[in-house]
Amino acid sequence: MRSMNGTVASDSTPPPPAPGAEQYPALDFANSVYAVPGGHYVDLLGTPEGAEQWLVERGLAPADAGIREQCAAQLRSLREQVRALLAAHMDGTPAPSGALAAVNDALTRAPAAALLHWDPARGLHRRAAHPTDQILDHALAALATNAADLLTGPDAPRLTPCASPPCIRYFLRHGRRQWCSTRCGDRVRAARAYARKTGARED
């Protein structure tokens, strides 16, 4: 899996959704961090406000969800595990056990009812999750479910990484397409043209 150390916030215009991202929210989730020139990355889940906006725009949370940093950190953590599973699938390597455990945990995070608890003062009692936690748990479960569907479904063989460095996004390949966006394709073509031009000058 390509490293994303040094992720930074930026006002850079996000690239358009990668092919397949509209069909699979988990793919859009995996691509919620992306590369920008200069060796930096933009993380759409990098702040509680950004994470809430991302969830709201995808119908995974209400506008007043009140996402906190702890919640945003859980989203980022699950995203890294989903990315690890995607990378392992495309590399043909065993799925990392930690990533499997994290996704399976997220799959069971959305309780259907108030759960049973016990403490010395109150004894047995039922308590619903904090509303924000409940919203997050449902979002995590939905994203994990979609990731599992993608990785085990008929579109799994089409998963591919963008072939335009330094892009770190994934997409569903159609035909011979190698890039996740026109922007990435243009960057590769421009680099090739520059290489040909400079090579001709050196000759």
Foldseek 3Di string as FASTA:
>chain_A
DDDQPAEDADPDDDAPFFAPCVVFVLLVLLQQWKDDPPSYIHHQLPAQVSVLVVCVVVVLAPNPLPGHPVLSVLSVVLSVLLLQQLVCLVVVHDRDPVSVVSLVVLLPQADPDFDWDADPVPGIDTGRDDSSSNSSSSSSNSSSVSSVCCCPDPQNVQWDAAPQPPTGHIHGDDDPDRHRHPVSVVNVVVVVVVVVVVVVVVD
